[in-house]
Amino acid sequence: MDAEERRRAVLELARRTGSVDVAKLAADLGVSKETVRRDLGVLEDHGLVRRTHGGAYPVESAGFETTLAFRTTMHVPQKSRIASAAADLLGDAETVFVDEGFTPQLIAEALPRDRPLTVVTASLTVAATLATSEKITVLLLGGRVRGGTMATVDHWTVRMLSGFVIDLAYVGANGISRTYGLTTPDPAVSDVKSQVMKVSRRRVLAGVHTKFGAVSFCRFGEVGDLEAIVTDTGLPSSEAGRYSLLGPQVLRV
């Protein structure tokens, strides 16, 4: 196996399992740890993985995106804390957008049920979560359903959004970068998120620390567009401070 084949194998494994470990890769591939570290360095330089202490995890891109089913297995305790803290930012909002993805689904579950709310969403799972709540009106955006995320996209979705003024949007992203802003792999998803950013008075981004510094294919917003970012304590406080200098309040929970 030459270096290129080995790196492809490492990337495929990272995408299949969610992360890779340097020591295990070295043993499985029959190479030194230093060779694995160099391979991960090359993959990181190409924007395909992000290195961590002792390993790496894949970065979502135009050619790779994790499914909703996979996301429900990763960082679940952190996502639950993030969702609860994000829901606490609801304030006096009466109309709320809840994005696609597992963390937004948890936010939907954490929203209060004792007051009237209108929730707009492209996510079938979010809609199903809230549909039986007596005081919550759910408006499910029409469009083409993406099977991996169970959410609607394309011009139908964007056109429906264009007619709204939304008090608060809970937005997710595949990557959050101080340089490149908020990004996602699919142009159709980016169009929906861009429209959400335009029609919402307040915008809160919720996501685990692994999204920070990651850059995906399509940009749909800037860090400065956000009122708040809610993440976990895996994001160093120093890095949280750098993001807060761009405008949003950064909450680490």
Protein backbone atom coordinates (compact mmCIF):
# COMPACT_ATOMS: atom_id res chain seq x y z
CA MET A 1 0.00 0.00 0.00
CA ASP A 2 1.54 3.30 -1.07
CA ALA A 3 1.06 6.60 0.77
CA GLU A 4 -1.91 7.73 -1.34
CA GLU A 5 -3.75 4.44 -0.89
CA ARG A 6 -3.02 4.49 2.82
CA ARG A 7 -4.41 8.01 3.19
CA ARG A 8 -7.54 7.09 1.27
CA ALA A 9 -7.99 4.12 3.60
CA VAL A 10 -7.52 6.33 6.66
CA LEU A 11 -10.04 8.88 5.34
CA GLU A 12 -12.58 6.16 4.51
CA LEU A 13 -12.25 4.72 8.01
CA ALA A 14 -12.62 8.15 9.63
CA ARG A 15 -15.77 8.80 7.62
CA ARG A 16 -17.21 5.38 8.42
CA THR A 17 -16.51 5.40 12.15
CA GLY A 18 -16.48 9.11 13.00
CA SER A 19 -12.87 9.26 14.20
CA VAL A 20 -9.51 7.50 14.01
CA ASP A 21 -6.77 6.84 16.56
CA VAL A 22 -3.09 7.20 15.69
CA ALA A 23 -1.89 4.21 17.70
CA LYS A 24 -4.58 1.88 16.35
CA LEU A 25 -4.02 3.03 12.78
CA ALA A 26 -0.29 2.43 13.10
CA ALA A 27 -0.89 -1.10 14.37
CA ASP A 28 -3.57 -1.92 11.79
CA LEU A 29 -1.61 -0.52 8.84
CA GLY A 30 1.79 -1.82 9.95
CA VAL A 31 3.44 1.61 9.89
CA SER A 32 4.91 3.91 12.49
CA LYS A 33 2.88 6.40 14.48
CA GLU A 34 4.92 9.17 12.90
CA THR A 35 3.86 7.97 9.44
CA VAL A 36 0.22 8.04 10.51
CA ARG A 37 0.67 11.54 11.93
CA ARG A 38 2.16 12.68 8.62
CA ASP A 39 -0.76 11.12 6.75
CA LEU A 40 -3.25 12.90 9.00
CA GLY A 41 -1.32 16.12 8.51
CA VAL A 42 -1.66 15.81 4.73
CA LEU A 43 -5.37 15.04 5.03
CA GLU A 44 -5.83 18.02 7.34
CA ASP A 45 -3.97 20.29 4.90
CA HIS A 46 -6.46 19.22 2.25
CA GLY A 47 -9.39 20.05 4.55
CA LEU A 48 -10.54 16.44 4.84
CA VAL A 49 -9.94 15.81 8.56
CA ARG A 50 -9.34 17.76 11.74
CA ARG A 51 -6.60 16.48 14.03
CA THR A 52 -7.15 15.94 17.72
CA HIS A 53 -4.88 14.79 20.52
CA GLY A 54 -4.05 11.24 19.46
CA GLY A 55 -6.24 11.05 16.37
CA ALA A 56 -8.53 12.87 13.95
CA TYR A 57 -12.14 13.15 12.81
CA PRO A 58 -13.54 13.79 9.32
CA VAL A 59 -14.62 17.19 8.07
CA GLU A 60 -17.87 17.25 6.14
CA SER A 61 -17.42 18.42 2.55
CA ALA A 62 -19.17 18.60 -0.80
CA GLY A 63 -18.44 14.90 -1.24
CA PHE A 64 -19.14 13.70 2.31
CA GLU A 65 -21.84 14.43 4.84
CA THR A 66 -22.86 12.40 7.88
CA THR A 67 -26.45 11.18 8.10
CA LEU A 68 -28.93 12.16 10.79
CA ALA A 69 -28.85 8.58 12.08
CA PHE A 70 -25.07 8.79 12.54
CA ARG A 71 -25.28 12.16 14.29
CA THR A 72 -27.61 10.72 16.92
CA THR A 73 -24.74 8.51 18.11
CA MET A 74 -22.03 11.18 18.44
CA HIS A 75 -21.42 13.59 21.37
CA VAL A 76 -24.93 12.99 22.70
CA PRO A 77 -24.37 14.32 26.28
CA GLN A 78 -22.78 17.50 24.93
CA LYS A 79 -25.56 18.00 22.39
CA SER A 80 -28.20 17.56 25.09
CA ARG A 81 -26.59 20.25 27.27
CA ILE A 82 -26.23 22.56 24.28
CA ALA A 83 -29.88 22.08 23.32
CA SER A 84 -31.12 22.87 26.81
CA ALA A 85 -29.02 26.04 27.01
CA ALA A 86 -30.12 27.11 23.53
CA ALA A 87 -33.80 26.64 24.41
CA ASP A 88 -33.25 28.91 27.42
CA LEU A 89 -32.47 31.74 24.99
CA LEU A 90 -36.02 31.69 23.61
CA GLY A 91 -36.99 34.89 25.43
CA ASP A 92 -40.27 36.40 24.21
CA ALA A 93 -40.04 34.92 20.71
CA GLU A 94 -43.38 33.83 19.29
CA THR A 95 -42.18 32.52 15.91
CA VAL A 96 -39.18 30.21 15.88
CA PHE A 97 -37.22 28.45 13.15
CA VAL A 98 -35.64 25.12 14.11
CA ASP A 99 -33.04 23.79 11.69
CA GLU A 100 -32.42 20.25 10.47
CA GLY A 101 -30.04 18.00 12.42
CA PHE A 102 -29.86 16.16 15.71
CA THR A 103 -28.97 19.10 17.97
CA PRO A 104 -31.89 21.18 16.61
CA GLN A 105 -34.13 18.16 17.19
CA LEU A 106 -33.02 18.19 20.83
CA ILE A 107 -33.71 21.93 20.97
CA ALA A 108 -37.24 21.24 19.73
CA GLU A 109 -37.70 18.71 22.52
CA ALA A 110 -36.50 21.31 25.06
CA LEU A 111 -38.83 24.11 23.95
CA PRO A 112 -41.55 25.03 26.47
CA ARG A 113 -44.95 23.45 25.95
CA ASP A 114 -46.89 25.83 28.21
CA ARG A 115 -47.00 28.87 25.90
CA PRO A 116 -48.11 29.48 22.30
CA LEU A 117 -45.34 29.12 19.72
CA THR A 118 -45.23 28.88 15.97
CA VAL A 119 -42.33 26.70 14.87
CA VAL A 120 -41.15 26.77 11.27
CA THR A 121 -38.90 23.92 10.18
CA ALA A 122 -37.62 22.03 7.15
CA SER A 123 -36.99 18.97 9.34
CA LEU A 124 -39.50 16.14 9.31
CA THR A 125 -38.12 14.87 12.63
CA VAL A 126 -38.49 18.29 14.29
CA ALA A 127 -42.04 18.56 12.96
CA ALA A 128 -42.89 15.10 14.31
CA THR A 129 -41.37 16.00 17.69
CA LEU A 130 -43.63 19.04 18.10
CA ALA A 131 -46.75 18.13 16.12
CA THR A 132 -48.75 16.78 19.08
CA SER A 133 -48.06 19.76 21.38
CA GLU A 134 -51.34 21.58 21.92
CA LYS A 135 -49.92 25.11 22.12
CA ILE A 136 -47.31 24.76 19.35
CA THR A 137 -48.24 25.35 15.73
CA VAL A 138 -45.85 23.58 13.37
CA LEU A 139 -45.26 24.89 9.86
CA LEU A 140 -43.35 22.30 7.83
CA LEU A 141 -41.62 23.77 4.80
CA GLY A 142 -42.31 21.95 1.56
CA GLY A 143 -39.69 20.77 -0.89
CA ARG A 144 -37.50 17.85 -1.88
CA VAL A 145 -36.71 15.59 1.09
CA ARG A 146 -33.06 14.68 1.57
CA GLY A 147 -33.05 11.11 2.87
CA GLY A 148 -29.86 11.45 4.90
CA THR A 149 -31.10 14.37 6.97
CA MET A 150 -34.89 13.98 6.62
CA ALA A 151 -35.28 17.64 5.73
CA THR A 152 -36.63 19.61 2.77
CA VAL A 153 -34.62 21.76 0.36
CA ASP A 154 -34.76 23.48 -3.05
CA HIS A 155 -36.68 26.47 -4.37
CA TRP A 156 -40.02 25.50 -2.81
CA THR A 157 -38.48 25.65 0.67
CA VAL A 158 -36.67 28.92 0.04
CA ARG A 159 -39.76 30.55 -1.49
CA MET A 160 -41.91 29.69 1.55
CA LEU A 161 -39.29 31.13 3.89
CA SER A 162 -39.05 34.36 1.91
CA GLY A 163 -42.56 35.35 2.99
CA PHE A 164 -41.90 35.12 6.73
CA VAL A 165 -40.47 37.31 9.47
CA ILE A 166 -39.17 34.97 12.17
CA ASP A 167 -38.39 36.14 15.71
CA LEU A 168 -35.66 33.60 16.47
CA ALA A 169 -33.81 31.02 14.39
CA TYR A 170 -31.95 28.08 15.85
CA VAL A 171 -29.42 27.32 13.15
CA GLY A 172 -26.96 24.48 12.72
CA ALA A 173 -23.80 24.36 10.62
CA ASN A 174 -21.35 21.71 9.47
CA GLY A 175 -18.46 24.11 9.96
CA ILE A 176 -17.89 27.31 11.95
CA SER A 177 -14.83 29.36 11.09
CA ARG A 178 -13.77 32.87 12.07
CA THR A 179 -12.38 33.30 8.56
CA TYR A 180 -15.01 31.58 6.42
CA GLY A 181 -18.10 31.90 8.60
CA LEU A 182 -20.88 29.31 8.70
CA THR A 183 -20.67 26.53 6.12
CA THR A 184 -22.48 23.40 4.99
CA PRO A 185 -21.66 20.82 2.27
CA ASP A 186 -24.76 20.98 0.06
CA PRO A 187 -25.67 24.08 -2.01
CA ALA A 188 -29.39 23.30 -1.69
CA VAL A 189 -29.11 23.22 2.11
CA SER A 190 -27.03 26.39 2.05
CA ASP A 191 -29.77 28.20 0.12
CA VAL A 192 -32.32 27.31 2.81
CA LYS A 193 -30.02 28.37 5.65
CA SER A 194 -29.12 31.62 3.86
CA GLN A 195 -32.80 32.49 3.56
CA VAL A 196 -33.33 31.69 7.24
CA MET A 197 -30.52 34.08 8.15
CA LYS A 198 -32.17 36.82 6.06
CA VAL A 199 -35.69 36.55 7.48
CA SER A 200 -34.84 36.06 11.17
CA ARG A 201 -34.52 38.88 13.68
CA ARG A 202 -32.36 36.83 16.06
CA ARG A 203 -30.07 33.94 15.19
CA VAL A 204 -28.57 31.38 17.58
CA LEU A 205 -26.12 28.77 16.38
CA ALA A 206 -25.88 25.55 18.37
CA GLY A 207 -23.13 23.00 17.75
CA VAL A 208 -20.48 20.84 19.38
CA HIS A 209 -16.87 22.00 19.61
CA THR A 210 -15.71 19.74 16.76
CA LYS A 211 -17.42 22.05 14.25
CA PHE A 212 -15.19 24.99 15.16
CA GLY A 213 -12.43 25.71 12.68
CA ALA A 214 -13.97 23.25 10.20
CA VAL A 215 -14.82 24.61 6.75
CA SER A 216 -17.31 23.01 4.39
CA PHE A 217 -18.20 23.78 0.78
CA CYS A 218 -20.98 26.41 0.93
CA ARG A 219 -21.02 29.55 3.05
CA PHE A 220 -24.43 30.73 4.28
CA GLY A 221 -23.62 33.28 6.98
CA GLU A 222 -21.02 35.11 9.02
CA VAL A 223 -20.17 34.68 12.68
CA GLY A 224 -21.11 38.32 13.21
CA ASP A 225 -24.68 37.60 12.02
CA LEU A 226 -25.31 35.59 15.19
CA GLU A 227 -26.70 36.80 18.50
CA ALA A 228 -25.26 33.79 20.31
CA ILE A 229 -23.28 30.60 19.80
CA VAL A 230 -23.97 27.69 22.15
CA THR A 231 -21.35 24.94 22.33
CA ASP A 232 -19.67 22.66 24.84
CA THR A 233 -16.59 23.08 27.01
CA GLY A 234 -14.48 21.18 24.47
CA LEU A 235 -14.02 24.57 22.79
CA PRO A 236 -11.18 26.29 24.69
CA SER A 237 -12.19 29.49 26.45
CA SER A 238 -9.48 31.37 24.55
CA GLU A 239 -11.00 30.31 21.23
CA ALA A 240 -14.49 31.16 22.47
CA GLY A 241 -13.18 34.63 23.25
CA ARG A 242 -11.92 35.05 19.70
CA TYR A 243 -15.35 34.19 18.31
CA SER A 244 -17.06 36.57 20.74
CA LEU A 245 -14.91 39.42 19.44
CA LEU A 246 -16.77 39.03 16.13
CA GLY A 247 -20.11 39.84 17.80
CA PRO A 248 -22.00 36.89 19.28
CA GLN A 249 -22.23 35.84 22.89
CA VAL A 250 -20.47 32.46 23.19
CA LEU A 251 -21.88 30.06 25.77
CA ARG A 252 -19.88 26.96 26.73
CA VAL A 253 -22.03 24.41 28.59
